[in-house]
Amino acid sequence: MTPARRKRLLVVGLLVLGVAVAAALGLQAFRKNLLYYFTPDQVARGDAHAGQAFRMGGLVAMGSVQRAPGSMTVHFTITDMQRSIPVVYTGILPDLFREGQGIVVYGTLDKNGLFVANQVLAKHDSKYMPPGVEADIKKAQAQQQAERLAKDPS
């Protein structure tokens, strides 16, 4: 092998190695920044892991909002009508936040099953339903109706 050919082979090898290292670093960064979305039912089944940042969407359960006096901390429950997950958030809530409203929260699940939210998002459209939650709510309503019919067939 001639010295010129050996030099070219070395340059090509270094380029391939550099591209491989850059691709590996890019994939690692992408994996760290992935943002998963779950419904309360999926979280209750254990699909989301404690300490992992993710988004969860659902409805604010009626009668569940509790504000700590003299604090900006709010405790509430988010539901998809099948399962409910308790949430704690410290900060300013969106103006459209209210019980029965569809919301998306971003944060982590602690080891006790409490979702610690860093951000609360509420949509202005009154017909808004977070992805996947609408189907879960319709499924729960159908189950409730079937149970009512089973108890009282008349």
C-alpha atoms as a PDB file:
ATOM      1  CA  MET A   1       0.000   0.000   0.000  1.00  0.00           C
ATOM      2  CA  THR A   2       1.377   3.378  -0.989  1.00  0.00           C
ATOM      3  CA  PRO A   3       1.777   6.165   1.574  1.00  0.00           C
ATOM      4  CA  ALA A   4      -0.849   8.341  -0.216  1.00  0.00           C
ATOM      5  CA  ARG A   5      -3.381   5.538  -0.167  1.00  0.00           C
ATOM      6  CA  ARG A   6      -2.680   4.818   3.509  1.00  0.00           C
ATOM      7  CA  LYS A   7      -3.164   8.514   4.316  1.00  0.00           C
ATOM      8  CA  ARG A   8      -6.539   8.609   2.485  1.00  0.00           C
ATOM      9  CA  LEU A   9      -7.671   5.447   4.262  1.00  0.00           C
ATOM     10  CA  LEU A  10      -6.746   7.002   7.622  1.00  0.00           C
ATOM     11  CA  VAL A  11      -8.687  10.213   6.804  1.00  0.00           C
ATOM     12  CA  VAL A  12     -11.765   8.222   5.715  1.00  0.00           C
ATOM     13  CA  GLY A  13     -11.560   6.089   8.860  1.00  0.00           C
ATOM     14  CA  LEU A  14     -11.351   9.157  11.082  1.00  0.00           C
ATOM     15  CA  LEU A  15     -14.338  10.733   9.286  1.00  0.00           C
ATOM     16  CA  VAL A  16     -16.430   7.581   9.766  1.00  0.00           C
ATOM     17  CA  LEU A  17     -15.427   7.434  13.435  1.00  0.00           C
ATOM     18  CA  GLY A  18     -16.295  11.132  13.897  1.00  0.00           C
ATOM     19  CA  VAL A  19     -19.730  10.712  12.290  1.00  0.00           C
ATOM     20  CA  ALA A  20     -20.419   7.646  14.472  1.00  0.00           C
ATOM     21  CA  VAL A  21     -19.495   9.541  17.658  1.00  0.00           C
ATOM     22  CA  ALA A  22     -21.635  12.534  16.633  1.00  0.00           C
ATOM     23  CA  ALA A  23     -24.610  10.268  15.872  1.00  0.00           C
ATOM     24  CA  ALA A  24     -24.255   8.490  19.234  1.00  0.00           C
ATOM     25  CA  LEU A  25     -24.141  11.801  21.122  1.00  0.00           C
ATOM     26  CA  GLY A  26     -27.136  13.109  19.168  1.00  0.00           C
ATOM     27  CA  LEU A  27     -29.210  10.010  19.925  1.00  0.00           C
ATOM     28  CA  GLN A  28     -28.278  10.181  23.600  1.00  0.00           C
ATOM     29  CA  ALA A  29     -29.376  13.835  23.807  1.00  0.00           C
ATOM     30  CA  PHE A  30     -32.591  13.034  21.938  1.00  0.00           C
ATOM     31  CA  ARG A  31     -33.397  10.173  24.317  1.00  0.00           C
ATOM     32  CA  LYS A  32     -32.876  12.433  27.359  1.00  0.00           C
ATOM     33  CA  ASN A  33     -35.216  15.092  25.935  1.00  0.00           C
ATOM     34  CA  LEU A  34     -38.055  12.760  24.959  1.00  0.00           C
ATOM     35  CA  LEU A  35     -41.313  13.869  26.543  1.00  0.00           C
ATOM     36  CA  TYR A  36     -43.823  11.115  27.130  1.00  0.00           C
ATOM     37  CA  TYR A  37     -47.591  11.625  27.446  1.00  0.00           C
ATOM     38  CA  PHE A  38     -49.788   9.441  29.634  1.00  0.00           C
ATOM     39  CA  THR A  39     -53.394   9.337  30.789  1.00  0.00           C
ATOM     40  CA  PRO A  40     -54.198   8.825  34.498  1.00  0.00           C
ATOM     41  CA  ASP A  41     -55.197   5.224  33.728  1.00  0.00           C
ATOM     42  CA  GLN A  42     -51.790   4.521  32.185  1.00  0.00           C
ATOM     43  CA  VAL A  43     -50.024   6.148  35.149  1.00  0.00           C
ATOM     44  CA  ALA A  44     -52.072   4.077  37.623  1.00  0.00           C
ATOM     45  CA  ARG A  45     -51.192   0.890  35.692  1.00  0.00           C
ATOM     46  CA  GLY A  46     -47.497   1.711  36.150  1.00  0.00           C
ATOM     47  CA  ASP A  47     -46.629   2.725  32.570  1.00  0.00           C
ATOM     48  CA  ALA A  48     -44.925   5.890  33.882  1.00  0.00           C
ATOM     49  CA  HIS A  49     -41.927   5.530  36.158  1.00  0.00           C
ATOM     50  CA  ALA A  50     -41.228   7.551  39.300  1.00  0.00           C
ATOM     51  CA  GLY A  51     -38.721  10.332  38.654  1.00  0.00           C
ATOM     52  CA  GLN A  52     -39.302  10.299  34.872  1.00  0.00           C
ATOM     53  CA  ALA A  53     -40.560  13.631  33.480  1.00  0.00           C
ATOM     54  CA  PHE A  54     -43.740  13.283  31.424  1.00  0.00           C
ATOM     55  CA  ARG A  55     -47.010  14.958  30.553  1.00  0.00           C
ATOM     56  CA  MET A  56     -50.354  13.754  31.807  1.00  0.00           C
ATOM     57  CA  GLY A  57     -53.715  14.910  30.518  1.00  0.00           C
ATOM     58  CA  GLY A  58     -57.220  14.647  31.860  1.00  0.00           C
ATOM     59  CA  LEU A  59     -59.989  16.507  33.617  1.00  0.00           C
ATOM     60  CA  VAL A  60     -59.691  18.280  36.957  1.00  0.00           C
ATOM     61  CA  ALA A  61     -61.915  16.176  39.219  1.00  0.00           C
ATOM     62  CA  MET A  62     -64.927  17.958  40.677  1.00  0.00           C
ATOM     63  CA  GLY A  63     -64.435  18.984  44.312  1.00  0.00           C
ATOM     64  CA  SER A  64     -60.742  18.094  44.326  1.00  0.00           C
ATOM     65  CA  VAL A  65     -59.070  21.531  44.218  1.00  0.00           C
ATOM     66  CA  GLN A  66     -57.538  22.478  47.583  1.00  0.00           C
ATOM     67  CA  ARG A  67     -55.417  25.568  48.036  1.00  0.00           C
ATOM     68  CA  ALA A  68     -53.001  25.889  50.936  1.00  0.00           C
ATOM     69  CA  PRO A  69     -53.766  29.135  52.835  1.00  0.00           C
ATOM     70  CA  GLY A  70     -51.041  31.756  52.403  1.00  0.00           C
ATOM     71  CA  SER A  71     -49.267  29.648  49.808  1.00  0.00           C
ATOM     72  CA  MET A  72     -49.240  29.222  46.050  1.00  0.00           C
ATOM     73  CA  THR A  73     -49.445  25.436  46.437  1.00  0.00           C
ATOM     74  CA  VAL A  74     -52.536  23.776  44.991  1.00  0.00           C
ATOM     75  CA  HIS A  75     -53.554  20.136  45.389  1.00  0.00           C
ATOM     76  CA  PHE A  76     -56.039  18.652  42.939  1.00  0.00           C
ATOM     77  CA  THR A  77     -56.886  15.393  41.233  1.00  0.00           C
ATOM     78  CA  ILE A  78     -56.725  14.730  37.520  1.00  0.00           C
ATOM     79  CA  THR A  79     -58.963  12.002  36.105  1.00  0.00           C
ATOM     80  CA  ASP A  80     -59.839  10.279  32.857  1.00  0.00           C
ATOM     81  CA  MET A  81     -63.051   8.937  34.442  1.00  0.00           C
ATOM     82  CA  GLN A  82     -61.409   5.537  34.934  1.00  0.00           C
ATOM     83  CA  ARG A  83     -58.573   6.383  37.301  1.00  0.00           C
ATOM     84  CA  SER A  84     -57.539   9.472  39.239  1.00  0.00           C
ATOM     85  CA  ILE A  85     -54.071  10.734  40.122  1.00  0.00           C
ATOM     86  CA  PRO A  86     -53.403  13.329  42.859  1.00  0.00           C
ATOM     87  CA  VAL A  87     -51.399  16.354  41.691  1.00  0.00           C
ATOM     88  CA  VAL A  88     -49.564  19.083  43.584  1.00  0.00           C
ATOM     89  CA  TYR A  89     -48.488  22.313  41.894  1.00  0.00           C
ATOM     90  CA  THR A  90     -46.790  25.392  43.275  1.00  0.00           C
ATOM     91  CA  GLY A  91     -47.143  28.472  41.122  1.00  0.00           C
ATOM     92  CA  ILE A  92     -49.655  30.572  39.254  1.00  0.00           C
ATOM     93  CA  LEU A  93     -52.396  28.542  37.623  1.00  0.00           C
ATOM     94  CA  PRO A  94     -53.758  29.482  34.187  1.00  0.00           C
ATOM     95  CA  ASP A  95     -56.868  31.697  34.250  1.00  0.00           C
ATOM     96  CA  LEU A  96     -58.894  28.912  32.626  1.00  0.00           C
ATOM     97  CA  PHE A  97     -58.027  26.343  35.310  1.00  0.00           C
ATOM     98  CA  ARG A  98     -61.169  25.074  37.045  1.00  0.00           C
ATOM     99  CA  GLU A  99     -62.856  21.857  38.095  1.00  0.00           C
ATOM    100  CA  GLY A 100     -64.150  19.840  35.150  1.00  0.00           C
ATOM    101  CA  GLN A 101     -61.690  21.553  32.762  1.00  0.00           C
ATOM    102  CA  GLY A 102     -59.429  19.543  30.469  1.00  0.00           C
ATOM    103  CA  ILE A 103     -55.775  20.195  31.325  1.00  0.00           C
ATOM    104  CA  VAL A 104     -52.287  18.885  30.688  1.00  0.00           C
ATOM    105  CA  VAL A 105     -49.715  18.835  33.488  1.00  0.00           C
ATOM    106  CA  TYR A 106     -45.965  18.415  33.111  1.00  0.00           C
ATOM    107  CA  GLY A 107     -43.811  17.035  35.887  1.00  0.00           C
ATOM    108  CA  THR A 108     -42.749  13.858  37.648  1.00  0.00           C
ATOM    109  CA  LEU A 109     -44.358  11.130  39.690  1.00  0.00           C
ATOM    110  CA  ASP A 110     -42.939  10.669  43.177  1.00  0.00           C
ATOM    111  CA  LYS A 111     -42.521   7.258  44.812  1.00  0.00           C
ATOM    112  CA  ASN A 112     -45.830   7.678  46.707  1.00  0.00           C
ATOM    113  CA  GLY A 113     -47.886   8.106  43.518  1.00  0.00           C
ATOM    114  CA  LEU A 114     -48.242  11.897  43.810  1.00  0.00           C
ATOM    115  CA  PHE A 115     -47.686  13.794  40.563  1.00  0.00           C
ATOM    116  CA  VAL A 116     -45.504  16.860  41.235  1.00  0.00           C
ATOM    117  CA  ALA A 117     -46.317  19.313  38.433  1.00  0.00           C
ATOM    118  CA  ASN A 118     -43.861  21.906  37.149  1.00  0.00           C
ATOM    119  CA  GLN A 119     -46.331  23.315  34.636  1.00  0.00           C
ATOM    120  CA  VAL A 120     -50.115  23.310  34.197  1.00  0.00           C
ATOM    121  CA  LEU A 121     -51.625  23.968  30.775  1.00  0.00           C
ATOM    122  CA  ALA A 122     -55.311  24.706  30.172  1.00  0.00           C
ATOM    123  CA  LYS A 123     -56.813  25.049  26.715  1.00  0.00           C
ATOM    124  CA  HIS A 124     -59.210  27.897  25.930  1.00  0.00           C
ATOM    125  CA  ASP A 125     -61.543  25.831  23.766  1.00  0.00           C
ATOM    126  CA  SER A 126     -64.439  24.574  25.873  1.00  0.00           C
ATOM    127  CA  LYS A 127     -64.518  21.372  23.819  1.00  0.00           C
ATOM    128  CA  TYR A 128     -60.816  20.646  24.373  1.00  0.00           C
ATOM    129  CA  MET A 129     -59.949  17.192  25.543  1.00  0.00           C
ATOM    130  CA  PRO A 130     -56.341  16.022  25.964  1.00  0.00           C
ATOM    131  CA  PRO A 131     -55.339  13.268  23.512  1.00  0.00           C
ATOM    132  CA  GLY A 132     -56.492   9.821  24.566  1.00  0.00           C
ATOM    133  CA  VAL A 133     -58.648  11.105  27.413  1.00  0.00           C
ATOM    134  CA  GLU A 134     -61.779  11.577  25.315  1.00  0.00           C
ATOM    135  CA  ALA A 135     -61.788   7.886  24.372  1.00  0.00           C
ATOM    136  CA  ASP A 136     -61.216   6.866  28.007  1.00  0.00           C
ATOM    137  CA  ILE A 137     -64.093   9.066  29.192  1.00  0.00           C
ATOM    138  CA  LYS A 138     -66.476   7.643  26.576  1.00  0.00           C
ATOM    139  CA  LYS A 139     -65.423   4.115  27.576  1.00  0.00           C
ATOM    140  CA  ALA A 140     -66.048   4.861  31.279  1.00  0.00           C
ATOM    141  CA  GLN A 141     -69.446   6.401  30.519  1.00  0.00           C
ATOM    142  CA  ALA A 142     -70.438   3.355  28.469  1.00  0.00           C
ATOM    143  CA  GLN A 143     -69.397   1.067  31.341  1.00  0.00           C
ATOM    144  CA  GLN A 144     -71.409   3.141  33.834  1.00  0.00           C
ATOM    145  CA  GLN A 145     -74.460   3.018  31.573  1.00  0.00           C
ATOM    146  CA  ALA A 146     -74.115  -0.757  31.145  1.00  0.00           C
ATOM    147  CA  GLU A 147     -73.873  -1.165  34.928  1.00  0.00           C
ATOM    148  CA  ARG A 148     -77.019   0.948  35.423  1.00  0.00           C
ATOM    149  CA  LEU A 149     -78.902  -1.145  32.858  1.00  0.00           C
ATOM    150  CA  ALA A 150     -77.748  -4.361  34.514  1.00  0.00           C
ATOM    151  CA  LYS A 151     -79.071  -3.180  37.893  1.00  0.00           C
ATOM    152  CA  ASP A 152     -82.389  -1.850  36.563  1.00  0.00           C
ATOM    153  CA  PRO A 153     -83.351  -3.421  33.209  1.00  0.00           C
ATOM    154  CA  SER A 154     -86.686  -1.558  33.006  1.00  0.00           C
END
